[in-house]
N, C-alpha and C. Protein backbone atom coordinates (compact mmCIF):
# COMPACT_ATOMS: atom_id res chain seq x y z
N UNK A 1 -1.23 12.00 -8.06
CA UNK A 1 -0.36 11.64 -6.95
C UNK A 1 0.24 10.21 -7.27
N UNK A 2 1.56 10.13 -7.07
CA UNK A 2 2.18 8.71 -7.37
C UNK A 2 2.20 8.05 -5.99
N UNK A 3 1.72 6.76 -6.09
CA UNK A 3 1.66 5.89 -4.83
C UNK A 3 2.54 4.63 -5.11
N UNK A 4 3.15 4.26 -4.02
CA UNK A 4 4.03 3.14 -4.19
C UNK A 4 3.47 1.87 -3.43
N UNK A 5 3.40 0.72 -4.03
CA UNK A 5 2.88 -0.39 -3.57
C UNK A 5 3.79 -1.48 -3.04
N UNK A 6 3.70 -1.88 -1.87
CA UNK A 6 4.58 -2.83 -1.08
C UNK A 6 3.79 -4.02 -0.71
N UNK A 7 4.54 -5.11 -0.50
CA UNK A 7 3.89 -6.43 0.01
C UNK A 7 4.90 -6.90 1.20
N UNK A 8 4.34 -7.45 2.22
CA UNK A 8 5.15 -7.99 3.22
C UNK A 8 5.72 -9.37 2.75
N UNK A 9 6.93 -9.41 2.72
CA UNK A 9 7.62 -10.70 2.24
C UNK A 9 7.29 -11.92 3.08
N UNK A 10 7.09 -11.61 4.42
CA UNK A 10 6.68 -12.73 5.32
C UNK A 10 5.16 -13.02 5.33
N UNK A 11 4.37 -12.19 4.77
CA UNK A 11 2.88 -12.38 4.88
C UNK A 11 2.35 -11.93 3.53
N UNK A 12 2.11 -12.84 2.61
CA UNK A 12 1.62 -12.48 1.29
C UNK A 12 0.24 -11.85 1.30
N UNK A 13 -0.51 -11.84 2.51
CA UNK A 13 -1.79 -11.12 2.55
C UNK A 13 -1.67 -9.72 3.03
N UNK A 14 -0.58 -9.21 3.37
CA UNK A 14 -0.38 -7.86 3.90
C UNK A 14 0.32 -6.96 2.73
N UNK A 15 -0.35 -5.97 2.33
CA UNK A 15 0.06 -4.98 1.39
C UNK A 15 -0.01 -3.57 1.97
N UNK A 16 0.88 -2.69 1.51
CA UNK A 16 0.85 -1.34 1.99
C UNK A 16 1.09 -0.43 0.76
N UNK A 17 0.34 0.81 0.92
CA UNK A 17 0.59 1.88 -0.08
C UNK A 17 1.39 2.94 0.65
N UNK A 18 2.19 3.67 0.02
CA UNK A 18 2.96 4.73 0.55
C UNK A 18 3.13 5.78 -0.39
N UNK A 19 3.41 7.03 0.11
CA UNK A 19 3.87 8.15 -0.78
C UNK A 19 5.33 8.20 -0.81
N UNK A 20 5.99 7.41 -0.04
CA UNK A 20 7.45 7.40 -0.01
C UNK A 20 7.95 6.10 -0.82
N UNK A 21 8.77 6.38 -1.73
CA UNK A 21 9.20 5.26 -2.54
C UNK A 21 10.14 4.24 -1.73
N UNK A 22 10.66 4.72 -0.60
CA UNK A 22 11.62 3.67 0.18
C UNK A 22 10.69 2.90 1.07
N UNK A 23 9.36 3.26 1.33
CA UNK A 23 8.58 2.55 2.35
C UNK A 23 9.02 2.72 3.80
N UNK A 24 9.94 3.50 4.05
CA UNK A 24 10.52 3.65 5.38
C UNK A 24 9.49 3.96 6.41
N UNK A 25 8.49 4.69 6.08
CA UNK A 25 7.43 5.13 7.03
C UNK A 25 6.52 4.09 7.33
N UNK A 26 6.39 3.05 6.66
CA UNK A 26 5.38 1.99 6.83
C UNK A 26 5.76 1.13 8.08
N UNK A 27 4.91 1.02 9.08
CA UNK A 27 5.10 0.29 10.16
C UNK A 27 5.08 -1.25 9.97
N UNK A 28 5.82 -2.04 10.73
CA UNK A 28 5.67 -3.42 10.49
C UNK A 28 4.41 -4.08 10.90
N UNK A 29 3.83 -5.13 10.32
CA UNK A 29 2.62 -5.73 10.84
C UNK A 29 2.94 -6.92 11.77
N UNK A 30 4.19 -7.36 11.78
CA UNK A 30 4.73 -8.33 12.73
C UNK A 30 6.21 -8.14 12.85
N UNK A 31 6.85 -8.79 13.79
CA UNK A 31 8.35 -8.66 13.97
C UNK A 31 9.13 -9.06 12.74
N UNK A 32 8.57 -10.00 11.88
CA UNK A 32 9.27 -10.44 10.76
C UNK A 32 8.94 -9.61 9.50
N UNK A 33 8.11 -8.60 9.63
CA UNK A 33 7.80 -7.71 8.35
C UNK A 33 8.94 -7.29 7.59
N UNK A 34 9.06 -7.53 6.40
CA UNK A 34 9.93 -6.82 5.46
C UNK A 34 9.25 -6.34 4.14
N UNK A 35 9.02 -5.19 4.07
CA UNK A 35 8.26 -4.58 2.90
C UNK A 35 9.07 -4.62 1.57
N UNK A 36 8.43 -5.21 0.67
CA UNK A 36 9.08 -5.43 -0.60
C UNK A 36 8.28 -4.50 -1.58
N UNK A 37 9.05 -3.74 -2.37
CA UNK A 37 8.45 -2.78 -3.32
C UNK A 37 7.98 -3.67 -4.54
N UNK A 38 6.67 -3.40 -4.92
CA UNK A 38 6.14 -4.06 -6.05
C UNK A 38 5.97 -3.17 -7.18
N UNK A 39 5.64 -1.88 -7.02
CA UNK A 39 5.48 -1.05 -8.19
C UNK A 39 4.89 0.32 -7.76
N UNK A 40 4.66 1.05 -8.90
CA UNK A 40 4.06 2.46 -8.69
C UNK A 40 2.78 2.55 -9.50
N UNK A 41 1.83 3.23 -8.79
CA UNK A 41 0.58 3.53 -9.45
C UNK A 41 0.26 4.97 -9.45
N UNK A 42 -0.49 5.35 -10.38
CA UNK A 42 -1.02 6.70 -10.37
C UNK A 42 -2.44 6.69 -9.94
N UNK A 43 -2.90 7.65 -9.25
CA UNK A 43 -4.32 7.64 -8.87
C UNK A 43 -5.26 7.64 -10.01
N UNK A 44 -4.86 8.12 -11.06
CA UNK A 44 -5.77 8.23 -12.26
C UNK A 44 -6.05 6.94 -12.86
N UNK A 45 -5.19 5.90 -12.57
CA UNK A 45 -5.40 4.50 -13.28
C UNK A 45 -5.79 3.47 -12.15
N UNK A 46 -6.18 3.92 -10.88
CA UNK A 46 -6.31 3.01 -9.91
C UNK A 46 -7.54 2.08 -10.05
N UNK A 47 -8.42 2.42 -10.93
CA UNK A 47 -9.73 1.65 -11.15
C UNK A 47 -9.19 0.43 -11.90
N UNK A 48 -8.09 0.33 -12.65
CA UNK A 48 -7.64 -0.92 -13.38
C UNK A 48 -7.11 -1.94 -12.41
N UNK A 49 -6.75 -1.41 -11.17
CA UNK A 49 -6.22 -2.44 -10.13
C UNK A 49 -7.22 -3.22 -9.53
N UNK A 50 -8.52 -2.77 -9.66
CA UNK A 50 -9.71 -3.48 -9.09
C UNK A 50 -9.67 -3.29 -7.46
N UNK A 51 -9.24 -2.12 -6.95
CA UNK A 51 -9.30 -1.86 -5.61
C UNK A 51 -10.52 -1.17 -5.20
N UNK A 52 -11.20 -1.94 -4.28
CA UNK A 52 -12.59 -1.27 -3.74
C UNK A 52 -12.21 -0.18 -2.88
N UNK A 53 -13.13 0.90 -2.88
CA UNK A 53 -13.18 1.90 -1.87
C UNK A 53 -11.75 2.60 -1.69
N UNK A 54 -11.10 2.88 -2.71
CA UNK A 54 -9.82 3.47 -2.62
C UNK A 54 -9.69 4.86 -2.04
N UNK A 55 -10.89 5.56 -1.96
CA UNK A 55 -10.90 6.78 -1.26
C UNK A 55 -10.44 6.71 0.16
N UNK A 56 -10.80 5.64 0.85
CA UNK A 56 -10.23 5.43 2.22
C UNK A 56 -8.70 5.29 2.18
N UNK A 57 -8.19 4.62 1.24
CA UNK A 57 -6.75 4.51 1.15
C UNK A 57 -6.11 5.86 0.89
N UNK A 58 -6.74 6.67 0.02
CA UNK A 58 -6.20 8.06 -0.23
C UNK A 58 -6.17 8.91 0.94
N UNK A 59 -7.33 8.75 1.75
CA UNK A 59 -7.40 9.56 2.96
C UNK A 59 -6.23 9.24 4.00
N UNK A 60 -5.97 7.98 4.03
CA UNK A 60 -4.85 7.52 4.97
C UNK A 60 -3.52 8.01 4.43
N UNK A 61 -3.40 7.96 3.17
CA UNK A 61 -2.10 8.44 2.40
C UNK A 61 -1.90 9.83 2.77
N UNK A 62 -2.93 10.66 2.56
CA UNK A 62 -2.95 12.17 2.86
C UNK A 62 -2.58 12.50 4.32
N UNK A 63 -3.14 11.66 5.18
CA UNK A 63 -2.92 12.04 6.58
C UNK A 63 -1.58 11.43 7.29
N UNK A 64 -1.33 10.20 6.81
CA UNK A 64 -0.17 9.41 7.37
C UNK A 64 1.02 9.22 6.46
N UNK A 65 0.85 9.24 5.15
CA UNK A 65 1.87 8.91 4.14
C UNK A 65 1.88 7.52 3.86
N UNK A 66 1.03 6.64 4.48
CA UNK A 66 1.00 5.16 4.20
C UNK A 66 -0.34 4.64 4.56
N UNK A 67 -0.56 3.44 4.04
CA UNK A 67 -1.93 2.75 4.37
C UNK A 67 -1.61 1.23 4.29
N UNK A 68 -1.72 0.58 5.33
CA UNK A 68 -1.55 -0.97 5.29
C UNK A 68 -2.90 -1.54 5.10
N UNK A 69 -2.95 -2.46 4.15
CA UNK A 69 -4.29 -3.15 3.82
C UNK A 69 -4.10 -4.68 3.70
N UNK A 70 -5.15 -5.34 3.83
CA UNK A 70 -5.22 -6.78 3.73
C UNK A 70 -5.51 -7.18 2.24
N UNK A 71 -5.04 -8.26 1.76
CA UNK A 71 -5.12 -8.79 0.46
C UNK A 71 -6.61 -8.66 -0.04
N UNK A 72 -7.51 -8.78 0.86
CA UNK A 72 -8.97 -8.67 0.48
C UNK A 72 -9.44 -7.42 -0.27
N UNK A 73 -8.65 -6.20 0.13
CA UNK A 73 -8.93 -5.04 -0.63
C UNK A 73 -8.51 -5.06 -2.05
N UNK A 74 -7.54 -5.85 -2.45
CA UNK A 74 -7.07 -5.99 -3.70
C UNK A 74 -7.63 -7.28 -4.36
N UNK A 75 -8.41 -7.13 -5.39
CA UNK A 75 -8.98 -8.32 -5.98
C UNK A 75 -8.04 -8.93 -6.96
């Protein structure tokens, strides 16, 4: 599965994963939220990103098409 990574331009601690390259389905975390595309990852290489408990992220992606996370998830 190809996953697209975004960061909130107004909040450097807010990140989101999406199955949509446009990120249009990701809800804002504040009124000023502007999701900025950072890159694409493959689930096969997710271990290299240092992301803990990525299965929970995958579950949200399968159910909702997006997952908003705090910077603490990404080491």
